[in-house]
Protein backbone atom coordinates (compact mmCIF):
# COMPACT_ATOMS: atom_id res chain seq x y z
CA MET A 1 -10.69 -16.74 17.69
CA SER A 2 -12.02 -12.72 18.51
CA ASP A 3 -14.51 -11.47 15.52
CA TRP A 4 -11.97 -8.64 14.08
CA ARG A 5 -14.28 -7.80 11.10
CA ASP A 6 -15.89 -4.55 12.70
CA ARG A 7 -12.83 -3.39 14.94
CA PRO A 8 -11.63 -0.32 13.87
CA LYS A 9 -8.27 -0.23 11.38
CA LEU A 10 -5.84 1.78 9.76
CA GLU A 11 -4.22 0.89 6.65
CA LEU A 12 -1.08 2.28 5.33
CA HIS A 13 0.05 0.49 2.57
CA LEU A 14 -2.34 -0.64 -0.12
CA HIS A 15 -2.10 -0.64 -3.93
CA LEU A 16 -5.13 0.99 -5.28
CA GLU A 17 -4.82 -1.26 -8.64
CA GLY A 18 -4.09 -4.03 -6.79
CA ALA A 19 -7.08 -4.04 -4.60
CA ALA A 20 -9.68 -4.35 -7.47
CA PRO A 21 -12.27 -7.33 -6.44
CA PRO A 22 -11.97 -9.67 -9.46
CA PRO A 23 -15.88 -9.21 -10.40
CA PHE A 24 -15.25 -5.85 -10.87
CA ILE A 25 -12.06 -6.36 -13.18
CA ARG A 26 -13.88 -9.22 -14.91
CA GLY A 27 -16.83 -6.76 -15.68
CA LEU A 28 -15.02 -4.01 -16.66
CA ALA A 29 -13.24 -5.81 -19.52
CA ALA A 30 -16.63 -7.36 -20.23
CA GLU A 31 -17.75 -3.56 -21.15
CA LYS A 32 -14.87 -2.99 -23.47
CA GLY A 33 -14.95 -6.03 -25.06
CA GLN A 34 -11.56 -7.55 -23.69
CA ASP A 35 -10.51 -10.80 -23.09
CA LEU A 36 -8.98 -10.49 -19.87
CA SER A 37 -9.85 -15.10 -18.89
CA ARG A 38 -5.57 -15.86 -18.12
CA LEU A 39 -5.91 -13.62 -15.46
CA PHE A 40 -8.18 -16.08 -13.09
CA ASP A 41 -8.11 -19.12 -11.69
CA GLU A 42 -11.22 -21.80 -12.91
CA ARG A 43 -13.04 -20.22 -8.94
CA GLY A 44 -12.91 -16.47 -10.47
CA HIS A 45 -9.60 -15.66 -8.60
CA TYR A 46 -6.54 -14.00 -9.66
CA ARG A 47 -4.05 -16.93 -10.98
CA ARG A 48 -1.46 -17.56 -8.70
CA GLY A 49 1.89 -17.43 -9.56
CA SER A 50 5.63 -16.53 -8.81
CA PHE A 51 6.30 -12.77 -7.85
CA GLU A 52 7.51 -12.01 -11.46
CA GLU A 53 4.26 -13.70 -13.05
CA PHE A 54 2.55 -11.42 -10.61
CA LEU A 55 3.90 -8.39 -11.50
CA ARG A 56 2.86 -9.65 -15.13
CA LEU A 57 -0.85 -10.70 -14.43
CA TYR A 58 -1.45 -7.49 -12.43
CA GLU A 59 -0.02 -5.27 -15.15
CA ALA A 60 -2.44 -6.88 -17.53
CA ALA A 61 -5.30 -6.43 -14.71
CA CYS A 62 -4.54 -2.44 -15.03
CA THR A 63 -4.78 -2.08 -19.27
CA VAL A 64 -8.95 -2.44 -18.87
CA LEU A 65 -8.74 0.55 -16.42
CA GLN A 66 -8.31 3.47 -18.57
CA THR A 67 -10.51 6.51 -17.96
CA PRO A 68 -11.05 8.59 -15.14
CA GLU A 69 -14.40 7.24 -14.66
CA ASP A 70 -12.95 3.70 -14.53
CA PHE A 71 -11.26 5.00 -11.74
CA ARG A 72 -13.48 6.77 -9.91
CA ARG A 73 -16.16 3.11 -10.42
CA LEU A 74 -12.11 1.41 -8.68
CA THR A 75 -11.73 3.60 -6.06
CA LEU A 76 -15.71 3.60 -4.93
CA ALA A 77 -15.86 -0.42 -5.21
CA VAL A 78 -11.94 -0.73 -3.33
CA LEU A 79 -12.95 1.31 -0.05
CA GLU A 80 -16.46 -0.70 0.18
CA ASP A 81 -14.80 -3.75 0.61
CA SER A 82 -12.23 -1.85 3.17
CA ALA A 83 -14.88 -0.64 5.09
CA SER A 84 -16.17 -3.71 5.23
CA HIS A 85 -13.31 -4.97 7.00
CA GLY A 86 -13.07 -2.23 9.52
CA VAL A 87 -11.25 -0.08 7.88
CA ILE A 88 -11.58 3.93 9.21
CA TYR A 89 -8.08 5.15 7.43
CA SER A 90 -6.71 3.95 4.18
CA GLU A 91 -3.89 5.19 2.11
CA ALA A 92 -3.47 3.90 -1.72
CA PHE A 93 -0.60 4.10 -3.90
CA LEU A 94 -1.60 5.58 -6.81
CA SER A 95 -0.04 5.83 -10.33
CA PRO A 96 0.37 7.88 -12.88
CA ASP A 97 1.33 5.12 -15.36
CA PHE A 98 -1.57 3.72 -14.97
CA CYS A 99 -3.54 6.88 -14.72
CA GLY A 100 -2.89 7.91 -18.08
CA GLY A 101 0.43 7.06 -18.83
CA GLY A 102 2.34 9.83 -17.09
CA ASP A 103 0.69 12.66 -19.06
CA LEU A 104 0.59 15.39 -15.86
CA GLU A 105 -2.86 16.55 -17.88
CA ALA A 106 -4.68 13.09 -18.11
CA TRP A 107 -3.12 12.93 -14.48
CA ARG A 108 -5.06 15.64 -13.23
CA ASP A 109 -8.50 14.27 -14.25
CA HIS A 110 -7.43 10.50 -12.92
CA LEU A 111 -6.87 12.28 -9.79
CA ALA A 112 -9.91 14.25 -9.31
CA ALA A 113 -11.70 10.90 -10.01
CA ILE A 114 -10.28 9.46 -7.25
CA ALA A 115 -10.63 12.38 -5.07
CA ASP A 116 -14.28 12.77 -5.83
CA ALA A 117 -14.94 8.76 -5.48
CA ALA A 118 -13.05 8.80 -1.82
CA ALA A 119 -15.54 11.99 -0.90
CA GLU A 120 -18.30 10.08 -1.55
CA ALA A 121 -17.19 6.85 -0.06
CA GLU A 122 -16.50 8.43 3.32
CA LYS A 123 -19.65 10.36 3.37
CA GLN A 124 -21.53 6.83 2.55
CA SER A 125 -19.23 4.66 4.94
CA GLY A 126 -16.90 7.04 7.20
CA ILE A 127 -13.70 5.58 5.56
CA ILE A 128 -11.01 8.60 4.84
CA LEU A 129 -8.69 7.68 2.58
CA ARG A 130 -5.43 9.80 1.16
CA GLY A 131 -3.49 9.11 -1.68
CA ILE A 132 0.15 8.39 -2.61
CA VAL A 133 2.26 8.39 -5.75
CA THR A 134 4.21 5.64 -6.55
CA CYS A 135 6.81 5.50 -9.87
CA ILE A 136 7.36 1.82 -10.45
CA ARG A 137 10.92 0.95 -10.07
CA HIS A 138 11.16 -1.59 -12.78
CA PHE A 139 9.60 0.77 -15.38
CA GLY A 140 13.62 2.81 -14.86
CA PRO A 141 14.82 6.14 -12.89
CA ASP A 142 13.80 8.39 -16.12
CA GLN A 143 10.19 7.42 -15.90
CA ALA A 144 10.55 7.61 -12.25
CA ARG A 145 11.34 11.30 -12.44
CA ARG A 146 8.54 12.01 -14.76
CA ILE A 147 6.04 10.89 -12.21
CA ALA A 148 7.43 12.66 -9.49
CA ARG A 149 6.89 15.67 -11.31
CA CYS A 150 3.35 14.25 -11.73
CA ALA A 151 3.08 13.95 -7.91
CA ALA A 152 4.89 17.33 -7.07
CA GLU A 153 2.31 19.15 -9.44
CA THR A 154 -0.95 17.69 -7.82
CA ALA A 155 0.45 17.63 -4.07
CA GLY A 156 -2.60 19.16 -1.85
CA ASP A 157 -4.95 17.80 0.87
CA PHE A 158 -5.72 14.18 -0.94
CA LEU A 159 -2.51 13.80 -2.31
CA THR A 160 0.05 13.36 0.27
CA GLY A 161 2.67 11.54 -0.54
CA PHE A 162 5.47 9.56 -2.60
CA GLY A 163 6.65 5.97 -2.94
CA MET A 164 8.41 3.45 -5.19
CA ALA A 165 6.95 0.03 -6.13
CA GLY A 166 7.69 -2.68 -8.44
CA ALA A 167 10.84 -5.45 -8.60
CA GLU A 168 12.78 -4.37 -6.21
CA THR A 169 15.84 -6.01 -7.86
CA VAL A 170 16.28 -3.30 -10.51
CA GLY A 171 18.84 -0.99 -9.71
CA ARG A 172 19.64 0.57 -6.81
CA PRO A 173 17.80 3.51 -4.32
CA LYS A 174 20.14 5.93 -5.61
CA ASP A 175 19.36 5.94 -8.88
CA TYR A 176 15.92 7.04 -7.99
CA ALA A 177 17.38 9.70 -5.50
CA TRP A 178 16.22 12.70 -8.08
CA ALA A 179 12.09 11.64 -7.93
CA PHE A 180 12.39 11.60 -4.06
CA ASP A 181 13.90 14.93 -3.76
CA CYS A 182 11.53 16.30 -6.40
CA ALA A 183 8.89 14.97 -4.15
CA ARG A 184 10.10 16.05 -1.18
CA GLU A 185 10.75 19.56 -1.79
CA ALA A 186 6.89 19.69 -2.40
CA GLY A 187 6.21 18.96 0.85
CA LEU A 188 4.84 15.38 0.33
CA ARG A 189 5.96 12.84 2.96
CA LEU A 190 7.88 9.79 1.32
CA THR A 191 7.99 6.20 1.79
CA CYS A 192 9.30 3.46 -0.48
CA HIS A 193 9.26 -0.53 -1.15
CA ALA A 194 12.34 -2.34 0.36
CA GLY A 195 13.37 -5.46 1.92
CA GLU A 196 10.53 -7.64 1.00
CA TRP A 197 12.90 -9.27 -1.86
CA GLY A 198 15.94 -7.91 -0.98
CA GLY A 199 18.42 -8.22 2.16
CA PRO A 200 19.03 -5.81 4.82
CA ASP A 201 21.27 -3.82 2.66
CA MET A 202 18.55 -2.80 0.58
CA VAL A 203 16.57 -1.69 3.55
CA ALA A 204 20.13 0.61 4.67
CA ASP A 205 20.73 1.93 1.25
CA THR A 206 16.68 2.92 0.96
CA LEU A 207 16.87 4.90 4.39
CA ARG A 208 20.51 6.79 3.22
CA ASP A 209 20.01 7.44 -0.61
CA LEU A 210 15.90 8.71 -0.42
CA ARG A 211 15.80 9.57 3.17
CA PRO A 212 12.19 7.79 3.27
CA GLU A 213 9.92 8.28 6.56
CA ARG A 214 8.55 5.21 5.96
CA ILE A 215 9.52 1.73 4.76
CA GLY A 216 6.79 -0.93 2.91
CA HIS A 217 7.69 -4.32 3.71
CA GLY A 218 11.64 -3.74 5.24
CA ILE A 219 11.01 -7.85 6.86
CA ALA A 220 14.80 -8.25 5.35
CA ALA A 221 15.67 -6.29 8.41
CA ALA A 222 14.92 -8.87 10.92
CA ARG A 223 18.14 -10.47 10.00
CA ASP A 224 20.35 -7.62 10.79
CA PRO A 225 19.84 -6.60 14.71
CA ALA A 226 21.86 -3.73 14.37
CA LEU A 227 19.52 -2.49 11.64
CA MET A 228 16.54 -2.86 13.31
CA ASP A 229 17.89 -1.05 16.50
CA ARG A 230 18.61 1.94 14.02
CA LEU A 231 15.13 1.45 12.55
CA ALA A 232 13.74 1.28 16.28
CA GLU A 233 15.88 4.56 17.26
CA ASP A 234 14.69 6.63 13.74
CA GLY A 235 11.40 5.72 14.49
CA ILE A 236 11.17 4.75 11.03
CA VAL A 237 7.61 3.08 10.62
CA LEU A 238 7.35 -0.56 8.54
CA GLU A 239 4.18 -1.01 6.34
CA ILE A 240 4.27 -4.83 7.03
CA CYS A 241 1.93 -7.03 4.59
CA PRO A 242 2.11 -10.27 6.47
CA GLY A 243 -0.45 -11.60 3.99
CA SER A 244 1.53 -11.13 0.84
CA ASN A 245 4.53 -11.79 2.37
CA VAL A 246 3.42 -15.06 3.21
CA TYR A 247 1.68 -15.79 -0.34
CA LEU A 248 4.04 -14.72 -2.11
CA GLY A 249 7.07 -16.56 -0.41
CA SER A 250 9.20 -13.42 1.26
CA ALA A 251 8.01 -14.98 4.82
CA PRO A 252 8.05 -18.68 5.47
CA SER A 253 4.51 -18.48 7.02
CA TRP A 254 2.58 -17.27 9.45
CA ASP A 255 3.62 -18.61 12.51
CA ARG A 256 7.64 -17.47 10.95
CA HIS A 257 6.64 -14.13 9.61
CA PRO A 258 9.36 -11.72 11.26
CA ILE A 259 6.16 -8.73 12.33
CA ALA A 260 6.74 -10.34 15.97
CA ARG A 261 10.38 -10.47 16.19
CA LEU A 262 10.50 -7.09 14.15
CA ARG A 263 7.97 -5.59 17.29
CA GLU A 264 9.75 -7.08 19.66
CA ARG A 265 13.32 -5.35 18.89
CA GLY A 266 11.19 -2.14 19.22
CA VAL A 267 10.56 -1.07 15.91
CA LYS A 268 7.35 0.25 14.81
CA VAL A 269 5.30 -2.12 12.73
CA THR A 270 1.67 -1.52 11.12
CA VAL A 271 -0.48 -4.13 9.71
CA SER A 272 -1.68 -3.75 5.73
CA THR A 273 -3.09 -5.74 2.93
CA ASP A 274 -0.83 -4.99 -0.03
CA ASP A 275 -2.97 -6.43 -3.08
CA PRO A 276 -5.64 -8.67 -1.40
CA PRO A 277 -7.48 -10.03 -3.83
CA TRP A 278 -4.38 -10.93 -5.46
CA PHE A 279 -2.93 -12.82 -2.32
CA HIS A 280 -6.34 -13.88 -0.72
CA THR A 281 -6.69 -11.71 2.16
CA THR A 282 -8.35 -9.07 4.07
CA MET A 283 -8.24 -6.35 6.99
CA THR A 284 -10.21 -9.24 8.99
CA ARG A 285 -7.96 -12.14 7.89
CA GLU A 286 -4.45 -10.11 8.57
CA TRP A 287 -5.96 -10.10 12.12
CA GLU A 288 -6.87 -13.33 12.22
CA GLU A 289 -3.76 -15.20 11.36
CA LEU A 290 -1.50 -12.67 13.57
CA GLU A 291 -3.99 -13.79 16.57
CA ARG A 292 -3.35 -17.58 15.40
CA ALA A 293 0.49 -17.24 15.04
CA PHE A 294 1.06 -14.66 17.72
CA GLY A 295 -1.25 -14.69 20.45
CA TRP A 296 -2.39 -10.76 19.55
CA GLY A 297 -5.33 -9.63 20.73
CA GLU A 298 -6.89 -6.17 20.91
CA ALA A 299 -4.14 -4.25 23.33
CA ASP A 300 -1.60 -5.33 19.85
CA LEU A 301 -4.55 -3.93 17.83
CA ALA A 302 -5.23 -0.71 19.53
CA GLU A 303 -1.07 -0.18 19.51
CA LEU A 304 -0.60 -0.81 16.35
CA ASN A 305 -3.10 1.72 15.56
CA ARG A 306 -2.21 4.09 17.30
CA VAL A 307 1.62 3.58 15.50
CA ALA A 308 0.00 3.98 12.04
CA LEU A 309 -2.38 7.36 12.92
CA GLY A 310 1.15 8.59 14.23
CA ALA A 311 2.87 7.66 10.80
CA ALA A 312 -0.05 8.78 8.90
CA PHE A 313 0.24 11.07 5.80
CA CYS A 314 -2.80 13.32 6.80
CA ASP A 315 -3.23 16.56 8.47
CA GLU A 316 -3.63 16.87 12.11
CA ALA A 317 -7.29 17.86 11.67
CA THR A 318 -7.55 14.19 9.99
CA LYS A 319 -5.76 12.77 12.63
CA GLU A 320 -8.03 14.23 15.17
CA ARG A 321 -11.55 12.88 13.86
CA ILE A 322 -9.36 9.36 13.47
CA ARG A 323 -8.48 9.44 17.49
CA LYS A 324 -11.26 10.06 18.21
CA ARG A 325 -12.97 7.45 16.17
CA LEU A 326 -10.71 4.88 17.69
CA GLU A 327 -11.75 6.10 21.59
CA ALA A 328 -15.19 5.88 20.90
CA ALA A 329 -14.72 2.38 19.92
């Protein structure tokens, strides 16, 4: 078994709030006098549950994150943990719904605190972070419009993308087209969760109606050979999170996860952790399990890093800095 911890890695699918270490959330709750004990099991980990229960617990954990300073501290904690597992570049999903309730001015303050922490973390450990605003699907299309306006008004060198997360069973992609069009017009790069729980048709409809260049998860596409060929031909990159998929049950096991089948069909795939402490994973564990399940090694990591770098929502100067670090390693 290889030692994957110190190998340089790129991660494109990470929810900032979902990456909060349990001790951080417990400590912040204690500071604020909030009782969030129901979120944790007897070992201090986030409590297990179905996907619907996970969403409820996740949103409860976010209630303790209330101020820009809370998010600055959260960003530092998350990036410290990511860097300890070899991540040199990360893209984090940021939700104005959880950062000021969708109010633009409150969002500006929260975003400034997150960006400031990212700059501090880069000086400390070299990890580079870029932000992707995400609307929450089950909050509905009207709220998605509000979040898209927040994203459009704050697009820049740090905030480079827009996407959608949340319960995939709510609505259809076309319901959120206005939000994606707004973000596109603001120059933001686009991704969208699809095909984690919905079928191949959800991936196809997302591509048609929202026109993202990346798909979050997307594993349902493995059930449709024609869709896999379309993804490969169009160069659509899948942000696959195997540990998350196995933990929540959208994939039956590591050795039966469709990531290898998708890759063999020519689909561009990347590896990420999604909400790592909720799913008891890290970027180190992802690669340990991929090696165990499929025999993937150094050459596979190098190839997936190249895919992730090509798909990253950052400028060419930043990509060149990352490329040099990969080459040096």
